[in-house]
Amino acid sequence: MSKTKVLSPSLTGNNDALVRNLAGALAAEHVSITERKRRAMGKIVRLRPSR
Protein backbone atom coordinates (compact mmCIF):
# COMPACT_ATOMS: atom_id res chain seq x y z
CA MET A 1 0.00 0.00 0.00
CA SER A 2 1.33 3.41 -0.96
CA LYS A 3 1.64 6.27 1.52
CA THR A 4 0.49 8.65 -1.20
CA LYS A 5 -3.26 8.94 -1.70
CA VAL A 6 -5.07 10.81 -4.42
CA LEU A 7 -8.63 11.86 -3.50
CA SER A 8 -11.30 12.56 -6.08
CA PRO A 9 -14.85 13.82 -5.63
CA SER A 10 -16.88 13.13 -8.75
CA LEU A 11 -20.58 13.49 -9.51
CA THR A 12 -20.47 12.46 -13.17
CA GLY A 13 -17.42 10.19 -13.25
CA ASN A 14 -15.20 12.51 -15.32
CA ASN A 15 -12.97 13.49 -12.40
CA ASP A 16 -12.84 9.90 -11.23
CA ALA A 17 -11.41 8.66 -14.54
CA LEU A 18 -8.81 11.43 -14.65
CA VAL A 19 -7.65 10.92 -11.08
CA ARG A 20 -7.56 7.12 -11.47
CA ASN A 21 -5.05 7.58 -14.31
CA LEU A 22 -3.08 10.12 -12.28
CA ALA A 23 -2.90 7.78 -9.28
CA GLY A 24 -1.65 5.00 -11.54
CA ALA A 25 1.08 7.23 -12.97
CA LEU A 26 2.16 8.24 -9.44
CA ALA A 27 1.91 4.69 -8.05
CA ALA A 28 -0.51 6.13 -5.48
CA GLU A 29 -3.70 4.82 -3.93
CA HIS A 30 -6.89 6.27 -5.43
CA VAL A 31 -9.68 7.13 -2.98
CA SER A 32 -13.01 8.11 -4.50
CA ILE A 33 -15.20 10.44 -2.42
CA THR A 34 -18.91 9.78 -2.83
CA GLU A 35 -22.05 11.21 -1.30
CA ARG A 36 -24.60 9.07 0.45
CA LYS A 37 -27.47 10.53 -1.54
CA ARG A 38 -27.18 11.27 -5.25
CA ARG A 39 -27.66 14.93 -6.12
CA ALA A 40 -30.37 15.99 -8.51
CA MET A 41 -28.90 17.78 -11.48
CA GLY A 42 -30.35 21.27 -11.61
CA LYS A 43 -31.91 22.71 -14.70
CA ILE A 44 -31.26 26.08 -16.23
CA VAL A 45 -34.12 28.49 -15.72
CA ARG A 46 -34.65 31.23 -18.24
CA LEU A 47 -35.92 34.41 -16.63
CA ARG A 48 -38.02 36.73 -18.71
CA PRO A 49 -37.63 40.48 -18.24
CA SER A 50 -40.53 42.17 -16.46
CA ARG A 51 -42.77 44.35 -18.61
C-alpha atoms as a PDB file:
ATOM      1  CA  MET A   1       0.000   0.000   0.000  1.00  0.00           C
ATOM      2  CA  SER A   2       1.331   3.408  -0.961  1.00  0.00           C
ATOM      3  CA  LYS A   3       1.640   6.268   1.524  1.00  0.00           C
ATOM      4  CA  THR A   4       0.489   8.653  -1.199  1.00  0.00           C
ATOM      5  CA  LYS A   5      -3.258   8.940  -1.697  1.00  0.00           C
ATOM      6  CA  VAL A   6      -5.074  10.810  -4.424  1.00  0.00           C
ATOM      7  CA  LEU A   7      -8.632  11.861  -3.500  1.00  0.00           C
ATOM      8  CA  SER A   8     -11.301  12.559  -6.080  1.00  0.00           C
ATOM      9  CA  PRO A   9     -14.845  13.821  -5.627  1.00  0.00           C
ATOM     10  CA  SER A  10     -16.883  13.126  -8.750  1.00  0.00           C
ATOM     11  CA  LEU A  11     -20.577  13.487  -9.507  1.00  0.00           C
ATOM     12  CA  THR A  12     -20.469  12.456 -13.169  1.00  0.00           C
ATOM     13  CA  GLY A  13     -17.415  10.188 -13.250  1.00  0.00           C
ATOM     14  CA  ASN A  14     -15.201  12.505 -15.319  1.00  0.00           C
ATOM     15  CA  ASN A  15     -12.966  13.491 -12.400  1.00  0.00           C
ATOM     16  CA  ASP A  16     -12.836   9.902 -11.225  1.00  0.00           C
ATOM     17  CA  ALA A  17     -11.410   8.656 -14.537  1.00  0.00           C
ATOM     18  CA  LEU A  18      -8.812  11.433 -14.654  1.00  0.00           C
ATOM     19  CA  VAL A  19      -7.645  10.915 -11.076  1.00  0.00           C
ATOM     20  CA  ARG A  20      -7.557   7.125 -11.473  1.00  0.00           C
ATOM     21  CA  ASN A  21      -5.047   7.576 -14.308  1.00  0.00           C
ATOM     22  CA  LEU A  22      -3.080  10.125 -12.278  1.00  0.00           C
ATOM     23  CA  ALA A  23      -2.904   7.783  -9.279  1.00  0.00           C
ATOM     24  CA  GLY A  24      -1.654   4.996 -11.544  1.00  0.00           C
ATOM     25  CA  ALA A  25       1.079   7.229 -12.965  1.00  0.00           C
ATOM     26  CA  LEU A  26       2.159   8.239  -9.441  1.00  0.00           C
ATOM     27  CA  ALA A  27       1.908   4.686  -8.053  1.00  0.00           C
ATOM     28  CA  ALA A  28      -0.506   6.126  -5.477  1.00  0.00           C
ATOM     29  CA  GLU A  29      -3.702   4.823  -3.928  1.00  0.00           C
ATOM     30  CA  HIS A  30      -6.892   6.267  -5.431  1.00  0.00           C
ATOM     31  CA  VAL A  31      -9.675   7.133  -2.979  1.00  0.00           C
ATOM     32  CA  SER A  32     -13.009   8.106  -4.499  1.00  0.00           C
ATOM     33  CA  ILE A  33     -15.195  10.436  -2.420  1.00  0.00           C
ATOM     34  CA  THR A  34     -18.907   9.783  -2.833  1.00  0.00           C
ATOM     35  CA  GLU A  35     -22.050  11.206  -1.299  1.00  0.00           C
ATOM     36  CA  ARG A  36     -24.599   9.068   0.448  1.00  0.00           C
ATOM     37  CA  LYS A  37     -27.468  10.527  -1.542  1.00  0.00           C
ATOM     38  CA  ARG A  38     -27.177  11.271  -5.248  1.00  0.00           C
ATOM     39  CA  ARG A  39     -27.658  14.931  -6.123  1.00  0.00           C
ATOM     40  CA  ALA A  40     -30.371  15.991  -8.511  1.00  0.00           C
ATOM     41  CA  MET A  41     -28.896  17.775 -11.476  1.00  0.00           C
ATOM     42  CA  GLY A  42     -30.350  21.270 -11.614  1.00  0.00           C
ATOM     43  CA  LYS A  43     -31.914  22.715 -14.696  1.00  0.00           C
ATOM     44  CA  ILE A  44     -31.255  26.079 -16.234  1.00  0.00           C
ATOM     45  CA  VAL A  45     -34.120  28.490 -15.721  1.00  0.00           C
ATOM     46  CA  ARG A  46     -34.652  31.231 -18.242  1.00  0.00           C
ATOM     47  CA  LEU A  47     -35.918  34.406 -16.629  1.00  0.00           C
ATOM     48  CA  ARG A  48     -38.023  36.735 -18.714  1.00  0.00           C
ATOM     49  CA  PRO A  49     -37.628  40.482 -18.241  1.00  0.00           C
ATOM     50  CA  SER A  50     -40.532  42.170 -16.458  1.00  0.00           C
ATOM     51  CA  ARG A  51     -42.770  44.347 -18.608  1.00  0.00           C
END
